[in-house]
Every structure is written in structure tokens, then in C-alpha cells.
N, C-alpha and C. Protein backbone atom coordinates (compact mmCIF):
# COMPACT_ATOMS: atom_id res chain seq x y z
N MET A 1 290.61 11.98 201.94
CA MET A 1 290.69 12.86 200.81
C MET A 1 289.85 12.34 199.65
N ARG A 2 289.94 11.01 199.43
CA ARG A 2 289.17 10.41 198.36
C ARG A 2 287.67 10.60 198.62
N ALA A 3 287.23 10.48 199.84
CA ALA A 3 285.82 10.67 200.20
C ALA A 3 285.38 12.10 199.92
N LYS A 4 286.25 13.08 200.21
CA LYS A 4 285.93 14.48 199.93
C LYS A 4 285.77 14.70 198.44
N LEU A 5 286.66 14.11 197.64
CA LEU A 5 286.62 14.26 196.19
C LEU A 5 285.34 13.67 195.63
N LEU A 6 284.97 12.47 196.09
CA LEU A 6 283.74 11.83 195.62
C LEU A 6 282.51 12.64 196.03
N ALA A 7 282.49 13.14 197.24
CA ALA A 7 281.37 13.96 197.70
C ALA A 7 281.27 15.22 196.87
N SER A 8 282.40 15.80 196.56
CA SER A 8 282.46 17.01 195.74
C SER A 8 281.95 16.74 194.34
N LEU A 9 282.40 15.65 193.75
CA LEU A 9 281.96 15.28 192.40
C LEU A 9 280.48 14.94 192.39
N GLY A 10 280.02 14.24 193.41
CA GLY A 10 278.60 13.89 193.48
C GLY A 10 277.72 15.13 193.52
N GLY A 11 278.11 16.13 194.28
CA GLY A 11 277.36 17.38 194.34
C GLY A 11 277.39 18.11 193.02
N ALA A 12 278.53 18.11 192.35
CA ALA A 12 278.65 18.79 191.05
C ALA A 12 277.79 18.10 190.00
N VAL A 13 277.80 16.77 190.01
CA VAL A 13 276.99 16.02 189.04
C VAL A 13 275.51 16.28 189.30
N SER A 14 275.09 16.27 190.56
CA SER A 14 273.68 16.55 190.88
C SER A 14 273.29 17.95 190.44
N ALA A 15 274.16 18.92 190.67
CA ALA A 15 273.87 20.29 190.25
C ALA A 15 273.77 20.39 188.73
N ALA A 16 274.66 19.69 188.03
CA ALA A 16 274.64 19.71 186.56
C ALA A 16 273.36 19.09 186.04
N ILE A 17 272.91 18.02 186.67
CA ILE A 17 271.67 17.38 186.24
C ILE A 17 270.50 18.32 186.46
N LEU A 18 270.45 18.98 187.61
CA LEU A 18 269.36 19.92 187.89
C LEU A 18 269.37 21.09 186.93
N VAL A 19 270.54 21.67 186.69
CA VAL A 19 270.63 22.81 185.78
C VAL A 19 270.31 22.39 184.36
N GLY A 20 270.81 21.24 183.96
CA GLY A 20 270.58 20.77 182.59
C GLY A 20 269.14 20.42 182.30
N SER A 21 268.39 20.02 183.32
CA SER A 21 267.02 19.59 183.06
C SER A 21 265.98 20.66 183.35
N SER A 22 266.35 21.74 183.98
CA SER A 22 265.34 22.75 184.32
C SER A 22 264.97 23.59 183.12
N GLY A 23 263.67 23.86 182.98
CA GLY A 23 263.20 24.76 181.94
C GLY A 23 263.16 24.17 180.55
N VAL A 24 263.42 22.89 180.40
CA VAL A 24 263.41 22.28 179.08
C VAL A 24 262.10 21.52 178.93
N ALA A 25 261.34 21.85 177.91
CA ALA A 25 260.07 21.17 177.67
C ALA A 25 260.33 19.81 177.04
N PRO A 26 259.52 18.82 177.37
CA PRO A 26 259.69 17.52 176.73
C PRO A 26 259.43 17.63 175.23
N ALA A 27 260.03 16.73 174.48
CA ALA A 27 259.91 16.77 173.02
C ALA A 27 258.47 16.63 172.56
N SER A 28 257.62 15.99 173.36
CA SER A 28 256.24 15.76 172.95
C SER A 28 255.29 16.87 173.38
N ALA A 29 255.79 17.96 173.95
CA ALA A 29 254.93 19.05 174.41
C ALA A 29 254.21 19.69 173.23
N THR A 30 252.93 19.99 173.41
CA THR A 30 252.14 20.64 172.37
C THR A 30 252.40 22.14 172.40
N PRO A 31 252.70 22.74 171.24
CA PRO A 31 252.93 24.18 171.24
C PRO A 31 251.63 24.93 171.54
N PRO A 32 251.72 26.16 172.03
CA PRO A 32 250.50 26.93 172.29
C PRO A 32 249.77 27.21 170.99
N PRO A 33 248.44 27.40 171.06
CA PRO A 33 247.69 27.64 169.83
C PRO A 33 248.08 28.96 169.18
N PHE A 34 247.95 28.98 167.87
CA PHE A 34 248.22 30.17 167.07
C PHE A 34 247.25 31.28 167.46
N GLY A 35 246.01 30.89 167.75
CA GLY A 35 244.99 31.86 168.13
C GLY A 35 244.10 31.31 169.23
N TYR A 36 243.63 32.21 170.09
CA TYR A 36 242.71 31.85 171.16
C TYR A 36 241.70 32.98 171.32
N LEU A 37 240.42 32.63 171.33
CA LEU A 37 239.38 33.63 171.56
C LEU A 37 238.38 33.14 172.58
N ARG A 38 237.94 34.04 173.41
CA ARG A 38 236.82 33.82 174.32
C ARG A 38 235.66 34.59 173.71
N LEU A 39 234.62 33.88 173.32
CA LEU A 39 233.46 34.48 172.65
C LEU A 39 232.28 34.48 173.62
N THR A 40 231.65 35.64 173.77
CA THR A 40 230.44 35.73 174.59
C THR A 40 229.40 36.57 173.87
N VAL A 41 228.15 36.23 174.10
CA VAL A 41 227.03 37.01 173.58
C VAL A 41 226.19 37.39 174.79
N HIS A 42 226.03 38.70 174.98
CA HIS A 42 225.25 39.23 176.10
C HIS A 42 223.89 39.72 175.60
N GLN A 43 222.87 39.50 176.40
CA GLN A 43 221.55 40.03 176.09
C GLN A 43 221.57 41.53 176.33
N GLY A 44 221.04 42.29 175.36
CA GLY A 44 220.94 43.73 175.52
C GLY A 44 222.11 44.48 174.90
N GLN A 45 222.07 45.79 175.08
CA GLN A 45 223.13 46.65 174.58
C GLN A 45 224.22 46.75 175.64
N GLY A 46 225.42 46.41 175.28
CA GLY A 46 226.53 46.44 176.23
C GLY A 46 226.80 45.08 176.83
N THR A 47 227.77 45.05 177.71
CA THR A 47 228.22 43.78 178.27
C THR A 47 227.74 43.54 179.70
N THR A 48 226.76 44.31 180.15
CA THR A 48 226.26 44.13 181.51
C THR A 48 225.09 43.16 181.58
N GLY A 49 224.48 42.84 180.44
CA GLY A 49 223.37 41.91 180.42
C GLY A 49 223.83 40.48 180.61
N PRO A 50 222.88 39.58 180.86
CA PRO A 50 223.24 38.18 181.05
C PRO A 50 223.87 37.58 179.80
N VAL A 51 224.76 36.62 180.01
CA VAL A 51 225.40 35.91 178.90
C VAL A 51 224.40 34.88 178.38
N VAL A 52 224.10 34.95 177.08
CA VAL A 52 223.15 34.01 176.47
C VAL A 52 223.86 32.94 175.65
N ALA A 53 225.12 33.15 175.33
CA ALA A 53 225.91 32.14 174.62
C ALA A 53 227.38 32.44 174.87
N GLU A 54 228.18 31.38 174.93
CA GLU A 54 229.62 31.56 175.11
C GLU A 54 230.36 30.35 174.59
N ALA A 55 231.60 30.57 174.18
CA ALA A 55 232.44 29.48 173.69
C ALA A 55 233.89 29.92 173.73
N GLU A 56 234.78 28.93 173.78
CA GLU A 56 236.21 29.18 173.62
C GLU A 56 236.61 28.61 172.27
N LEU A 57 237.51 29.30 171.61
CA LEU A 57 237.97 28.88 170.29
C LEU A 57 239.49 28.91 170.26
N TRP A 58 240.09 27.78 169.90
CA TRP A 58 241.53 27.70 169.69
C TRP A 58 241.75 27.45 168.21
N CYS A 59 242.76 28.07 167.65
CA CYS A 59 243.07 27.87 166.23
C CYS A 59 244.51 27.41 166.06
N HIS A 60 244.67 26.41 165.24
CA HIS A 60 246.00 25.86 164.86
C HIS A 60 246.78 25.38 166.07
N PRO A 61 246.40 24.33 166.72
CA PRO A 61 245.36 23.39 166.32
C PRO A 61 243.97 23.89 166.71
N ASP A 62 242.99 23.52 165.88
CA ASP A 62 241.61 23.98 166.07
C ASP A 62 240.93 23.16 167.17
N GLY A 63 240.17 23.86 168.01
CA GLY A 63 239.46 23.16 169.08
C GLY A 63 238.75 24.14 169.98
N GLY A 64 238.44 23.66 171.17
CA GLY A 64 237.71 24.47 172.14
C GLY A 64 236.27 24.03 172.20
N SER A 65 235.44 24.82 172.86
CA SER A 65 234.02 24.47 173.00
C SER A 65 233.17 25.02 171.86
N HIS A 66 233.76 25.72 170.91
CA HIS A 66 233.03 26.24 169.75
C HIS A 66 232.50 25.05 168.94
N PRO A 67 231.24 25.10 168.46
CA PRO A 67 230.67 23.95 167.75
C PRO A 67 231.34 23.65 166.41
N THR A 68 231.91 24.65 165.74
CA THR A 68 232.58 24.42 164.45
C THR A 68 233.92 25.14 164.44
N PRO A 69 234.89 24.65 165.20
CA PRO A 69 236.16 25.38 165.31
C PRO A 69 236.92 25.50 164.00
N ALA A 70 236.92 24.48 163.16
CA ALA A 70 237.66 24.56 161.89
C ALA A 70 237.11 25.67 161.00
N ALA A 71 235.79 25.77 160.90
CA ALA A 71 235.16 26.80 160.06
C ALA A 71 235.40 28.20 160.65
N ALA A 72 235.29 28.33 161.96
CA ALA A 72 235.51 29.63 162.60
C ALA A 72 236.96 30.07 162.45
N CYS A 73 237.90 29.14 162.59
CA CYS A 73 239.32 29.48 162.43
C CYS A 73 239.62 29.83 160.98
N ALA A 74 238.99 29.14 160.03
CA ALA A 74 239.19 29.47 158.61
C ALA A 74 238.70 30.88 158.31
N ALA A 75 237.57 31.27 158.90
CA ALA A 75 237.05 32.63 158.70
C ALA A 75 238.01 33.66 159.29
N LEU A 76 238.56 33.36 160.46
CA LEU A 76 239.54 34.28 161.06
C LEU A 76 240.82 34.34 160.24
N ASP A 77 241.25 33.20 159.71
CA ASP A 77 242.44 33.19 158.83
C ASP A 77 242.23 34.13 157.65
N ALA A 78 241.08 33.99 157.00
CA ALA A 78 240.78 34.82 155.82
C ALA A 78 240.69 36.30 156.18
N ALA A 79 240.33 36.60 157.43
CA ALA A 79 240.19 37.99 157.88
C ALA A 79 241.45 38.51 158.57
N GLY A 80 242.53 37.76 158.51
CA GLY A 80 243.76 38.20 159.16
C GLY A 80 243.64 38.29 160.67
N GLY A 81 242.74 37.49 161.25
CA GLY A 81 242.56 37.50 162.70
C GLY A 81 241.71 38.64 163.22
N ASP A 82 241.09 39.40 162.33
CA ASP A 82 240.28 40.55 162.73
C ASP A 82 238.80 40.24 162.56
N PRO A 83 238.05 40.04 163.65
CA PRO A 83 236.63 39.72 163.52
C PRO A 83 235.84 40.76 162.73
N GLN A 84 236.26 42.02 162.76
CA GLN A 84 235.54 43.06 162.01
C GLN A 84 235.61 42.82 160.51
N ARG A 85 236.63 42.11 160.05
CA ARG A 85 236.81 41.87 158.61
C ARG A 85 236.13 40.59 158.12
N ILE A 86 235.46 39.86 158.99
CA ILE A 86 234.73 38.66 158.56
C ILE A 86 233.50 39.12 157.80
N PRO A 87 233.34 38.68 156.54
CA PRO A 87 232.20 39.14 155.75
C PRO A 87 230.88 38.53 156.23
N ALA A 88 229.82 39.29 156.05
CA ALA A 88 228.47 38.82 156.41
C ALA A 88 227.99 37.80 155.39
N ARG A 89 227.06 36.96 155.82
CA ARG A 89 226.40 36.04 154.89
C ARG A 89 224.97 36.55 154.70
N SER A 90 224.39 36.23 153.58
CA SER A 90 223.01 36.65 153.36
C SER A 90 222.08 35.73 154.14
N GLY A 91 221.01 36.28 154.58
CA GLY A 91 220.05 35.51 155.35
C GLY A 91 218.93 36.42 155.81
N ILE A 92 217.81 35.81 156.09
CA ILE A 92 216.65 36.56 156.54
C ILE A 92 216.48 36.35 158.04
N CYS A 93 216.31 37.45 158.74
CA CYS A 93 216.10 37.40 160.18
C CYS A 93 214.75 38.03 160.51
N PRO A 94 214.12 37.61 161.59
CA PRO A 94 212.86 38.24 161.98
C PRO A 94 213.08 39.71 162.33
N ALA A 95 212.09 40.51 162.04
CA ALA A 95 212.17 41.95 162.33
C ALA A 95 211.77 42.20 163.78
N VAL A 96 212.51 41.58 164.68
CA VAL A 96 212.26 41.71 166.11
C VAL A 96 213.50 42.34 166.72
N TYR A 97 213.30 43.43 167.44
CA TYR A 97 214.43 44.07 168.08
C TYR A 97 214.63 43.44 169.46
N ALA A 98 215.67 42.64 169.55
CA ALA A 98 216.06 42.00 170.81
C ALA A 98 217.59 42.03 170.83
N PRO A 99 218.16 43.19 171.13
CA PRO A 99 219.60 43.37 170.94
C PRO A 99 220.47 42.40 171.74
N VAL A 100 221.58 42.04 171.10
CA VAL A 100 222.62 41.23 171.74
C VAL A 100 223.96 41.91 171.46
N THR A 101 224.87 41.73 172.37
CA THR A 101 226.21 42.30 172.20
C THR A 101 227.22 41.16 172.13
N ALA A 102 227.96 41.13 171.04
CA ALA A 102 228.97 40.10 170.81
C ALA A 102 230.33 40.61 171.28
N VAL A 103 231.06 39.74 171.97
CA VAL A 103 232.39 40.09 172.46
C VAL A 103 233.35 38.96 172.10
N ALA A 104 234.47 39.32 171.50
CA ALA A 104 235.55 38.37 171.21
C ALA A 104 236.83 38.96 171.76
N THR A 105 237.44 38.26 172.70
CA THR A 105 238.72 38.72 173.25
C THR A 105 239.71 37.57 173.19
N GLY A 106 240.96 37.91 172.95
CA GLY A 106 242.00 36.89 172.91
C GLY A 106 243.20 37.36 172.12
N HIS A 107 243.85 36.40 171.45
CA HIS A 107 245.03 36.75 170.67
C HIS A 107 245.09 35.94 169.37
N TRP A 108 245.89 36.43 168.47
CA TRP A 108 246.08 35.81 167.15
C TRP A 108 247.58 35.84 166.86
N ARG A 109 248.03 35.03 165.98
CA ARG A 109 249.45 34.94 165.59
C ARG A 109 250.33 34.66 166.81
N GLY A 110 249.89 33.71 167.63
CA GLY A 110 250.69 33.30 168.78
C GLY A 110 250.84 34.37 169.85
N GLY A 111 249.96 35.33 169.86
CA GLY A 111 249.99 36.39 170.86
C GLY A 111 250.49 37.71 170.32
N ALA A 112 250.95 37.73 169.07
CA ALA A 112 251.48 38.97 168.49
C ALA A 112 250.37 39.97 168.18
N GLN A 113 249.15 39.50 168.03
CA GLN A 113 248.02 40.37 167.69
C GLN A 113 246.92 40.18 168.73
N ARG A 114 246.55 41.23 169.40
CA ARG A 114 245.49 41.19 170.42
C ARG A 114 244.14 41.35 169.73
N ILE A 115 243.16 40.57 170.15
CA ILE A 115 241.80 40.68 169.62
C ILE A 115 240.91 41.21 170.74
N ASP A 116 240.22 42.30 170.44
CA ASP A 116 239.30 42.91 171.39
C ASP A 116 238.14 43.50 170.58
N PHE A 117 237.11 42.69 170.37
CA PHE A 117 235.98 43.04 169.51
C PHE A 117 234.71 43.09 170.34
N THR A 118 233.95 44.18 170.24
CA THR A 118 232.64 44.30 170.90
C THR A 118 231.71 45.05 169.96
N ARG A 119 230.54 44.46 169.70
CA ARG A 119 229.57 45.13 168.84
C ARG A 119 228.16 44.64 169.18
N THR A 120 227.18 45.55 169.11
CA THR A 120 225.79 45.22 169.38
C THR A 120 225.04 45.04 168.07
N TYR A 121 224.18 44.02 168.02
CA TYR A 121 223.37 43.70 166.84
C TYR A 121 221.90 43.69 167.24
N GLY A 122 221.00 43.84 166.27
CA GLY A 122 219.57 43.92 166.52
C GLY A 122 218.96 42.69 167.17
N ASN A 123 219.51 41.52 166.86
CA ASN A 123 219.07 40.27 167.48
C ASN A 123 220.14 39.20 167.22
N HIS A 124 219.95 38.03 167.80
CA HIS A 124 220.95 36.97 167.68
C HIS A 124 221.09 36.50 166.23
N CYS A 125 220.01 36.45 165.50
CA CYS A 125 220.05 36.06 164.09
C CYS A 125 220.90 37.05 163.28
N ALA A 126 220.72 38.34 163.53
CA ALA A 126 221.51 39.35 162.82
C ALA A 126 223.00 39.20 163.14
N LEU A 127 223.32 38.87 164.38
CA LEU A 127 224.71 38.62 164.75
C LEU A 127 225.27 37.43 163.99
N ARG A 128 224.53 36.34 163.97
CA ARG A 128 225.02 35.14 163.26
C ARG A 128 225.24 35.40 161.78
N ASN A 129 224.37 36.19 161.18
CA ASN A 129 224.54 36.52 159.76
C ASN A 129 225.69 37.50 159.54
N ALA A 130 225.95 38.35 160.50
CA ALA A 130 227.00 39.37 160.35
C ALA A 130 228.40 38.78 160.52
N LYS A 131 228.57 37.80 161.38
CA LYS A 131 229.90 37.26 161.70
C LYS A 131 229.92 35.73 161.68
N PRO A 132 229.55 35.14 160.53
CA PRO A 132 229.57 33.68 160.47
C PRO A 132 230.99 33.17 160.22
N PRO A 133 231.32 32.03 160.58
CA PRO A 133 230.69 31.17 161.60
C PRO A 133 231.24 31.45 162.99
N LEU A 134 231.94 32.57 163.15
CA LEU A 134 232.57 32.88 164.43
C LEU A 134 231.55 32.90 165.57
N PHE A 135 230.42 33.57 165.36
CA PHE A 135 229.42 33.67 166.43
C PHE A 135 228.25 32.73 166.21
N ASP A 136 228.47 31.63 165.52
CA ASP A 136 227.46 30.57 165.43
C ASP A 136 227.56 29.71 166.69
N ILE A 137 227.31 30.35 167.81
CA ILE A 137 227.42 29.66 169.10
C ILE A 137 226.08 29.72 169.83
């Protein structure tokens, strides 16, 4: 009888340990980023042309393959996560028509806001001036 009781208790303790430990993230786990964008620049009008530049951008914490993630995230912060609201910077571009299409897809505010931005510009310089520093890639 004592052996049955110990076996029973051993099974219950094992089950409690499994249930208690499942699904709990360790205290040192990094929270998901506040924002994530996949940025691509396609040659030509539309997204069927070859990709001429691309980067990933994470915000809060800032990182990814974007060359200036802190500046790009600050611009998105100021625009409420909407790439269309990022103000243009002044600059001179060559008067050469070589269209590029910029695409930004991802999320903002921890996934509460979806980002889906696509726009064609006259050339890569015009894109960089229109959406700095987000598309400075």
C-alpha cells in the first residue's frame, strides 16, 4: 500500500512540475519589438522588378539590417508608425527617370497597427528624399 501511495504521489508531483513549468517564459526573455518592417526597393513601376535594396527594421529595441535603425525608428515614431506621414527632406536629385517602387510591410505598436506601404518614385534619390531615413537603404 505504501508503494502505491508513493507511486501515486510521484506521478502527481511530476504532473504538477510539468503543468507548472509549461508555457512560462524565462524572466530574461526579450519582449517582441514594438515595430517590425520589411523594407524593399524594386526597380521599375510596381513590385515585379528586381529588388535593388532591402532591409529589416526593428523598433524598440532598435535593430535589424537597416543602416540607421535609431533614426528610422524615430521618424516612424514621429509619424505614428505611418510611412506616408514621414516628411520629405529637401535635396537635389538628378533629372533622370529611373523609377523605383518602395515597399514597407510589417507592424507597429506591438502588432496592433499593420503597415502596408507601396509607392513608386521617379528614381532612388527621389525616394530617399521623400521618406528619410526610412528608405536610406
